[in-house]
Amino acid sequence: MLRASHRFGGLVLAALFTLTACGGGGGSPSTAADRGCVKDFDASKDYFPVKQTVRYAANFTLTYAKNYQVVTVEQPAPGARPEKYVLVRCGTPAPKTEGELAGAVTVETPIKTLYSASTTHLPFVTELGVLDVLTGVAQSAPISSPQVLERVRSGAVTEYARAGQVDVEKVIGARPDVLMTGGIEDKDYPALRKAGVKVVANAEWLESSPLGRAEWIRLMAALTGTEAKANEVFGRVERAYTALAAKAKAAPKATVLPGQMMQGEWAIPNGGSYAAGLIKDAGGTYPWAGTKGTGSTTLDLEAVLAKGRDAKVWLANVNEWKTLADVRKADPRYAEFTAFKTGAVWSSNKALGPGGGNDIYERGVARPDLILADLVAILHPDLAPGHTFTFYRRLAP
């Protein structure tokens, strides 16, 4: 699934190709000079003078040798075994993939071309200033970023799963340096791997903390050679987020009702989940905050009313809701919630792309500080006078 909701499928094309010594593939030919590859290898030299330290993400690790990095994704997809990637500075010798590196995928960096299976990758390439590396997206409809959409329109970025399933032939023919997954193992990935496509897992969505998800920018930086920029960008996000959380921590807790009914069920975030972390850091609480686990618990509407009826604020995430009338139309029983009666219903649908994609699921992954700023302003408006909302809007009467 392209995590803005696209599933890949398709026919298998048996095709192999040869990569050049400096990374080969990706639409336009690359040379050692234009990629900054090493010309005269020195075994004693550290080719990573600027390093990254992973502090918040729990689902990947990053270690260094002198001329390569080792990335381990602990769970590349739900229930999947760990995968290792050896990211070798181009122009230097790759280590043997044996012992602790047995089965590892070797990728020469910095990469020149990237196919992306999730909209959550897009803010990473834009924040790092390497948008030109992006040459493929699964589908353009869910994309919110104007810069990325412009590159799709210009033909610089191609869609490789326009009908909802991967065009295996197109991907193999394009020879991207890396196809980055959206944190699932698709049935067509084995065929791509067999054909020589470097499939690298990005499973940021399995992180339970907002800063943990945002820290996957470090994987993109490791692939593109932009470690210094990543340290700068993530450091700025981290400082803003922690400062907001510290300010909200001193405020009285505001009661929150998270979510809404979907197909007859209301998914309530468990206490250890990503959503629960945001609510807590914004100075909020909700009746199910003590529930263990990182996922969610599904309840019916009557059960939610029984415990959440008097919540001060309702935080929904329905793109179509613009007014309280829309909420009542969806289910008249919603009008029984106190937040509905007082008009304190908010939805994270302010920033929608032209195809209906929601930017909170795109840019919000890299910028949890912006989400938190919205939530603090909603729950504690006295702490954020004059706040301009990025993702949330209050539903009109």
Protein backbone atom coordinates (compact mmCIF):
# COMPACT_ATOMS: atom_id res chain seq x y z
CA MET A 1 0.00 0.00 0.00
CA LEU A 2 1.25 3.43 -0.94
CA ARG A 3 0.55 4.75 2.47
CA ALA A 4 -1.71 7.35 1.28
CA SER A 5 -3.56 4.21 0.26
CA HIS A 6 -2.38 2.63 -2.96
CA ARG A 7 -1.78 -1.11 -3.38
CA PHE A 8 0.69 -2.45 -5.91
CA GLY A 9 0.22 -5.45 -8.13
CA GLY A 10 0.98 -6.26 -11.74
CA LEU A 11 2.70 -8.67 -14.06
CA VAL A 12 6.24 -9.82 -13.58
CA LEU A 13 8.74 -8.86 -16.22
CA ALA A 14 11.87 -10.97 -16.27
CA ALA A 15 14.50 -8.39 -17.03
CA LEU A 16 17.94 -7.74 -15.72
CA PHE A 17 20.17 -4.76 -16.07
CA THR A 18 23.70 -3.82 -15.20
CA LEU A 19 24.53 -0.94 -12.87
CA THR A 20 27.51 1.23 -13.52
CA ALA A 21 30.32 1.51 -11.04
CA CYS A 22 28.90 4.74 -9.67
CA GLY A 23 25.31 3.75 -9.24
CA GLY A 24 24.06 3.53 -12.78
CA GLY A 25 20.37 3.85 -13.14
CA GLY A 26 17.76 6.44 -12.92
CA GLY A 27 16.65 8.02 -16.13
CA SER A 28 19.65 10.23 -16.84
CA PRO A 29 23.22 8.94 -16.79
CA SER A 30 25.35 9.84 -13.80
CA THR A 31 29.07 10.29 -13.56
CA ALA A 32 31.53 10.23 -10.69
CA ALA A 33 31.95 13.98 -11.02
CA ASP A 34 28.30 15.03 -10.88
CA ARG A 35 27.55 12.71 -7.96
CA GLY A 36 30.59 13.69 -5.95
CA CYS A 37 32.01 10.18 -6.09
CA VAL A 38 35.46 9.48 -4.66
CA LYS A 39 38.19 9.50 -7.29
CA ASP A 40 41.18 8.32 -5.26
CA PHE A 41 40.10 6.01 -2.46
CA ASP A 42 42.06 6.27 0.79
CA ALA A 43 41.30 3.40 3.18
CA SER A 44 42.38 5.48 6.18
CA LYS A 45 40.02 8.39 5.44
CA ASP A 46 36.61 8.90 7.06
CA TYR A 47 34.26 9.69 4.21
CA PHE A 48 31.45 10.74 6.58
CA PRO A 49 32.80 13.77 8.44
CA VAL A 50 29.21 14.78 9.29
CA LYS A 51 27.33 12.02 11.04
CA GLN A 52 23.77 11.49 12.21
CA THR A 53 22.60 10.09 15.53
CA VAL A 54 19.17 8.45 15.75
CA ARG A 55 17.54 9.44 19.05
CA TYR A 56 13.77 9.10 18.73
CA ALA A 57 13.07 6.53 16.02
CA ALA A 58 12.84 2.97 17.31
CA ASN A 59 12.37 1.15 14.01
CA PHE A 60 15.73 1.83 12.36
CA THR A 61 19.36 2.20 13.35
CA LEU A 62 22.28 3.84 11.59
CA THR A 63 25.96 2.98 12.09
CA TYR A 64 29.14 4.07 10.32
CA ALA A 65 32.28 2.59 8.87
CA LYS A 66 34.82 4.81 7.12
CA ASN A 67 33.32 4.58 3.64
CA TYR A 68 29.86 3.12 4.22
CA GLN A 69 26.86 3.27 6.50
CA VAL A 70 24.71 0.39 7.71
CA VAL A 71 21.00 1.00 8.09
CA THR A 72 18.92 -1.65 9.82
CA VAL A 73 15.15 -1.41 9.55
CA GLU A 74 13.88 -3.52 12.42
CA GLN A 75 10.39 -4.05 11.01
CA PRO A 76 10.20 -3.09 7.32
CA ALA A 77 6.54 -4.13 7.27
CA PRO A 78 4.18 -5.43 9.94
CA GLY A 79 5.49 -8.80 11.10
CA ALA A 80 8.47 -8.75 8.72
CA ARG A 81 12.02 -9.64 9.72
CA PRO A 82 14.72 -6.94 9.94
CA GLU A 83 16.46 -5.78 6.76
CA LYS A 84 19.94 -4.30 6.44
CA TYR A 85 21.19 -1.84 3.84
CA VAL A 86 24.85 -1.04 3.22
CA LEU A 87 25.09 2.50 1.88
CA VAL A 88 28.49 2.79 0.22
CA ARG A 89 30.03 6.10 -0.76
CA CYS A 90 30.30 5.85 -4.55
CA GLY A 91 33.81 5.41 -5.84
CA THR A 92 34.84 3.34 -2.81
CA PRO A 93 34.86 -0.45 -2.40
CA ALA A 94 31.77 -2.12 -0.95
CA PRO A 95 32.25 -4.49 1.97
CA LYS A 96 31.45 -8.16 1.58
CA THR A 97 27.88 -8.88 2.62
CA GLU A 98 28.73 -11.71 4.97
CA GLY A 99 28.70 -12.24 8.72
CA GLU A 100 26.66 -9.45 10.31
CA LEU A 101 26.04 -8.02 6.83
CA ALA A 102 24.80 -11.29 5.33
CA GLY A 103 21.81 -10.65 3.09
CA ALA A 104 22.22 -6.87 3.19
CA VAL A 105 21.28 -4.78 0.15
CA THR A 106 24.15 -2.63 -1.11
CA VAL A 107 23.31 0.85 -2.40
CA GLU A 108 25.84 3.36 -3.74
CA THR A 109 25.30 6.87 -2.41
CA PRO A 110 24.48 9.60 -2.92
CA ILE A 111 21.65 8.25 -5.04
CA LYS A 112 20.65 10.15 -8.13
CA THR A 113 17.10 8.85 -8.64
CA LEU A 114 14.34 7.76 -6.28
CA TYR A 115 10.95 6.15 -6.76
CA SER A 116 8.68 6.83 -3.79
CA ALA A 117 5.83 4.57 -2.63
CA SER A 118 4.42 7.01 -0.06
CA THR A 119 3.55 10.67 0.10
CA THR A 120 5.24 10.76 3.52
CA HIS A 121 8.63 10.72 1.77
CA LEU A 122 7.96 13.91 -0.14
CA PRO A 123 8.54 16.47 2.63
CA PHE A 124 11.86 14.81 3.36
CA VAL A 125 13.20 15.41 -0.15
CA THR A 126 11.85 18.96 -0.21
CA GLU A 127 13.17 19.85 3.27
CA LEU A 128 16.59 18.42 2.36
CA GLY A 129 16.70 20.32 -0.92
CA VAL A 130 17.00 17.20 -3.07
CA LEU A 131 13.65 17.27 -4.87
CA ASP A 132 15.46 16.70 -8.16
CA VAL A 133 16.30 13.18 -6.95
CA LEU A 134 12.61 12.25 -6.97
CA THR A 135 11.79 10.75 -10.37
CA GLY A 136 8.83 8.48 -9.59
CA VAL A 137 5.71 8.38 -7.41
CA ALA A 138 3.13 5.63 -7.26
CA GLN A 139 0.22 8.01 -7.87
CA SER A 140 -0.04 11.77 -7.98
CA ALA A 141 -3.67 12.11 -6.80
CA PRO A 142 -2.90 12.02 -3.03
CA ILE A 143 0.00 14.49 -3.30
CA SER A 144 -0.39 17.88 -1.64
CA SER A 145 3.02 19.44 -2.34
CA PRO A 146 2.82 22.05 -5.12
CA GLN A 147 6.52 21.55 -5.94
CA VAL A 148 6.10 17.80 -6.42
CA LEU A 149 2.90 18.21 -8.42
CA GLU A 150 4.65 20.67 -10.72
CA ARG A 151 7.38 18.11 -11.37
CA VAL A 152 4.73 15.50 -12.15
CA ARG A 153 3.05 17.89 -14.60
CA SER A 154 6.37 18.69 -16.26
CA GLY A 155 7.20 15.01 -16.73
CA ALA A 156 10.23 15.12 -14.40
CA VAL A 157 8.39 12.75 -12.05
CA THR A 158 6.48 9.78 -13.44
CA GLU A 159 3.61 7.79 -11.93
CA TYR A 160 4.43 4.11 -11.77
CA ALA A 161 1.21 2.77 -10.18
CA ARG A 162 -1.41 5.04 -11.68
CA ALA A 163 -4.11 2.36 -11.75
CA GLY A 164 -3.43 1.33 -8.17
CA GLN A 165 -0.94 -1.40 -9.00
CA VAL A 166 2.70 -1.15 -9.88
CA ASP A 167 3.78 -1.14 -13.51
CA VAL A 168 6.68 -3.52 -13.01
CA GLU A 169 7.88 -3.09 -16.56
CA LYS A 170 8.01 0.68 -16.18
CA VAL A 171 9.95 0.55 -12.91
CA ILE A 172 12.53 -1.87 -14.26
CA GLY A 173 12.88 0.15 -17.45
CA ALA A 174 13.42 3.37 -15.48
CA ARG A 175 16.19 1.83 -13.37
CA PRO A 176 15.79 4.04 -10.28
CA ASP A 177 18.71 3.89 -7.88
CA VAL A 178 16.23 3.16 -5.07
CA LEU A 179 12.55 2.35 -4.78
CA MET A 180 11.52 3.34 -1.26
CA THR A 181 8.59 1.39 0.15
CA GLY A 182 5.75 2.74 2.23
CA GLY A 183 6.25 0.20 4.99
CA ILE A 184 4.51 -2.78 3.42
CA GLU A 185 5.84 -5.80 1.50
CA ASP A 186 4.12 -5.81 -1.86
CA LYS A 187 3.78 -8.95 -3.94
CA ASP A 188 5.72 -7.35 -6.82
CA TYR A 189 8.80 -6.37 -4.83
CA PRO A 190 10.49 -9.77 -5.28
CA ALA A 191 10.33 -9.34 -9.06
CA LEU A 192 11.80 -5.85 -8.79
CA ARG A 193 14.60 -7.08 -6.54
CA LYS A 194 15.36 -9.93 -8.92
CA ALA A 195 15.63 -7.41 -11.76
CA GLY A 196 18.18 -5.39 -9.78
CA VAL A 197 16.00 -2.63 -8.35
CA LYS A 198 17.19 -1.62 -4.88
CA VAL A 199 14.05 -1.80 -2.74
CA VAL A 200 14.62 0.06 0.55
CA ALA A 201 12.02 -0.06 3.30
CA ASN A 202 10.69 3.10 4.89
CA ALA A 203 8.38 2.07 7.75
CA GLU A 204 8.12 5.36 9.59
CA TRP A 205 4.40 4.79 10.13
CA LEU A 206 5.22 2.04 12.63
CA GLU A 207 6.87 4.58 14.93
CA SER A 208 4.70 5.48 17.92
CA SER A 209 6.18 8.93 18.61
CA PRO A 210 5.82 12.07 16.47
CA LEU A 211 9.55 12.89 16.61
CA GLY A 212 10.32 9.24 15.88
CA ARG A 213 8.42 9.45 12.60
CA ALA A 214 10.00 12.77 11.69
CA GLU A 215 13.46 11.35 12.32
CA TRP A 216 13.17 9.10 9.26
CA ILE A 217 14.46 12.14 7.42
CA ARG A 218 17.83 10.72 8.46
CA LEU A 219 17.35 7.70 6.19
CA MET A 220 16.66 9.99 3.25
CA ALA A 221 19.70 12.06 4.19
CA ALA A 222 21.91 8.96 4.34
CA LEU A 223 20.79 8.00 0.84
CA THR A 224 21.24 11.49 -0.62
CA GLY A 225 24.39 12.60 1.20
CA THR A 226 22.66 15.47 2.99
CA GLU A 227 23.53 14.62 6.59
CA ALA A 228 24.41 18.18 7.57
CA LYS A 229 21.09 19.49 6.24
CA ALA A 230 19.17 16.75 8.05
CA ASN A 231 20.84 17.61 11.34
CA GLU A 232 19.82 21.22 10.80
CA VAL A 233 16.23 20.50 9.71
CA PHE A 234 15.46 17.87 12.32
CA GLY A 235 17.15 19.89 15.04
CA ARG A 236 14.88 22.82 14.27
CA VAL A 237 11.77 20.60 14.38
CA GLU A 238 12.90 18.94 17.61
CA ARG A 239 13.50 22.27 19.35
CA ALA A 240 10.14 23.68 18.28
CA TYR A 241 8.26 20.54 19.28
CA THR A 242 9.87 20.16 22.71
CA ALA A 243 9.38 23.85 23.49
CA LEU A 244 5.67 23.63 22.66
CA ALA A 245 5.26 20.46 24.71
CA ALA A 246 6.97 22.09 27.70
CA LYS A 247 4.66 25.10 27.47
CA ALA A 248 1.54 22.90 27.24
CA LYS A 249 2.65 20.66 30.10
CA ALA A 250 2.16 23.49 32.58
CA ALA A 251 -1.44 24.09 31.49
CA PRO A 252 -4.50 22.32 32.95
CA LYS A 253 -5.38 19.18 30.99
CA ALA A 254 -8.10 19.63 28.39
CA THR A 255 -10.40 16.66 27.67
CA VAL A 256 -10.38 15.50 24.05
CA LEU A 257 -12.58 13.25 21.94
CA PRO A 258 -10.38 11.79 19.16
CA GLY A 259 -11.63 10.41 15.85
CA GLN A 260 -15.08 9.53 14.50
CA MET A 261 -17.11 6.59 13.20
CA MET A 262 -15.85 4.82 10.09
CA GLN A 263 -17.93 2.00 8.64
CA GLY A 264 -19.77 1.52 11.91
CA GLU A 265 -16.70 1.54 14.17
CA TRP A 266 -14.88 4.26 16.11
CA ALA A 267 -11.12 3.70 16.31
CA ILE A 268 -9.87 5.11 19.61
CA PRO A 269 -6.06 5.51 19.81
CA ASN A 270 -4.41 3.42 22.50
CA GLY A 271 -2.35 5.19 25.14
CA GLY A 272 1.00 4.35 23.58
CA SER A 273 0.08 5.44 20.05
CA TYR A 274 1.27 8.28 17.86
CA ALA A 275 -2.05 10.13 18.23
CA ALA A 276 -2.04 9.69 22.00
CA GLY A 277 1.45 11.18 22.16
CA LEU A 278 0.35 14.28 20.27
CA ILE A 279 -2.68 14.77 22.51
CA LYS A 280 -0.59 14.36 25.65
CA ASP A 281 2.14 16.72 24.41
CA ALA A 282 -0.51 19.30 23.56
CA GLY A 283 -1.73 19.30 27.14
CA GLY A 284 -4.74 17.09 26.52
CA THR A 285 -6.17 13.84 27.80
CA TYR A 286 -9.01 11.52 26.84
CA PRO A 287 -10.93 8.76 28.61
CA TRP A 288 -8.97 5.94 26.96
CA ALA A 289 -5.49 7.43 27.50
CA GLY A 290 -4.59 4.59 29.85
CA THR A 291 -5.23 1.86 27.27
CA LYS A 292 -2.04 -0.10 26.60
CA GLY A 293 -0.58 -0.55 23.14
CA THR A 294 0.41 1.55 20.16
CA GLY A 295 -2.53 0.81 17.89
CA SER A 296 -6.19 1.55 18.42
CA THR A 297 -9.28 0.01 20.00
CA THR A 298 -12.54 -0.08 18.04
CA LEU A 299 -15.79 0.79 19.81
CA ASP A 300 -19.35 1.47 18.78
CA LEU A 301 -20.84 4.94 19.06
CA GLU A 302 -22.80 4.18 22.21
CA ALA A 303 -19.63 3.08 24.01
CA VAL A 304 -17.86 6.27 22.96
CA LEU A 305 -20.78 8.40 24.11
CA ALA A 306 -20.78 6.65 27.48
CA LYS A 307 -17.23 7.76 28.27
CA GLY A 308 -16.51 10.67 25.92
CA ARG A 309 -19.78 12.59 25.86
CA ASP A 310 -18.45 15.53 27.95
CA ALA A 311 -15.09 16.03 26.25
CA LYS A 312 -14.24 19.71 25.83
CA VAL A 313 -12.90 19.39 22.28
CA TRP A 314 -13.61 16.96 19.46
CA LEU A 315 -10.67 16.30 17.12
CA ALA A 316 -11.92 14.63 13.95
CA ASN A 317 -10.13 13.78 10.72
CA VAL A 318 -12.81 13.79 8.02
CA ASN A 319 -11.95 15.60 4.81
CA GLU A 320 -15.60 16.15 3.89
CA TRP A 321 -16.74 17.77 7.14
CA LYS A 322 -16.82 21.55 6.81
CA THR A 323 -19.79 22.42 9.03
CA LEU A 324 -21.60 21.06 12.07
CA ALA A 325 -24.47 20.27 9.72
CA ASP A 326 -22.15 17.86 7.89
CA VAL A 327 -21.43 16.13 11.20
CA ARG A 328 -25.11 15.81 12.12
CA LYS A 329 -25.87 14.50 8.63
CA ALA A 330 -23.25 11.78 9.02
CA ASP A 331 -24.98 10.55 12.19
CA PRO A 332 -27.59 12.47 14.19
CA ARG A 333 -26.27 10.95 17.41
CA TYR A 334 -23.10 13.03 17.07
CA ALA A 335 -25.17 15.99 18.27
CA GLU A 336 -25.24 14.40 21.75
CA PHE A 337 -21.56 15.21 22.35
CA THR A 338 -20.90 18.32 24.43
CA ALA A 339 -18.21 19.47 21.97
CA PHE A 340 -20.81 19.43 19.20
CA LYS A 341 -23.25 21.46 21.32
CA THR A 342 -20.59 24.09 22.09
CA GLY A 343 -19.23 24.16 18.54
CA ALA A 344 -15.80 22.87 19.60
CA VAL A 345 -15.46 20.41 16.73
CA TRP A 346 -12.24 20.58 14.73
CA SER A 347 -11.10 18.53 11.75
CA SER A 348 -7.63 18.16 10.27
CA ASN A 349 -8.82 19.03 6.78
CA LYS A 350 -7.60 22.57 6.26
CA ALA A 351 -4.74 21.63 3.92
CA LEU A 352 -6.07 19.43 1.11
CA GLY A 353 -4.32 18.90 -2.20
CA PRO A 354 -6.08 19.26 -5.57
CA GLY A 355 -6.64 15.50 -5.73
CA GLY A 356 -8.03 15.28 -2.21
CA GLY A 357 -4.84 14.26 -0.44
CA ASN A 358 -4.52 15.56 3.10
CA ASP A 359 -1.29 17.38 3.87
CA ILE A 360 -1.33 16.33 7.52
CA TYR A 361 -0.47 12.82 6.30
CA GLU A 362 2.25 14.20 4.03
CA ARG A 363 4.01 17.27 5.41
CA GLY A 364 2.76 16.54 8.90
CA VAL A 365 5.01 13.48 9.17
CA ALA A 366 8.14 15.61 8.80
CA ARG A 367 6.70 18.55 10.74
CA PRO A 368 5.04 17.27 13.94
CA ASP A 369 5.86 20.65 15.46
CA LEU A 370 3.25 22.22 13.15
CA ILE A 371 0.64 19.65 14.17
CA LEU A 372 1.44 20.20 17.83
CA ALA A 373 1.23 23.97 17.40
CA ASP A 374 -2.30 23.57 16.01
CA LEU A 375 -3.33 21.28 18.86
CA VAL A 376 -1.92 23.56 21.55
CA ALA A 377 -3.83 26.48 20.03
CA ILE A 378 -7.04 24.40 20.00
CA LEU A 379 -6.75 23.04 23.55
CA HIS A 380 -5.13 26.10 25.13
CA PRO A 381 -5.88 29.16 22.98
CA ASP A 382 -4.48 31.44 25.69
CA LEU A 383 -1.04 29.93 25.03
CA ALA A 384 -1.13 30.72 21.30
CA PRO A 385 -2.86 34.04 20.67
CA GLY A 386 -3.16 34.85 16.97
CA HIS A 387 -2.09 31.37 15.89
CA THR A 388 -2.39 30.63 12.17
CA PHE A 389 -3.55 27.05 11.71
CA THR A 390 -1.72 24.75 9.32
CA PHE A 391 -3.76 21.54 9.34
CA TYR A 392 -6.82 22.00 11.56
CA ARG A 393 -9.93 24.09 11.16
CA ARG A 394 -12.94 24.64 13.39
CA LEU A 395 -16.12 23.45 11.73
CA ALA A 396 -18.55 26.24 10.91
CA PRO A 397 -21.91 26.37 12.74
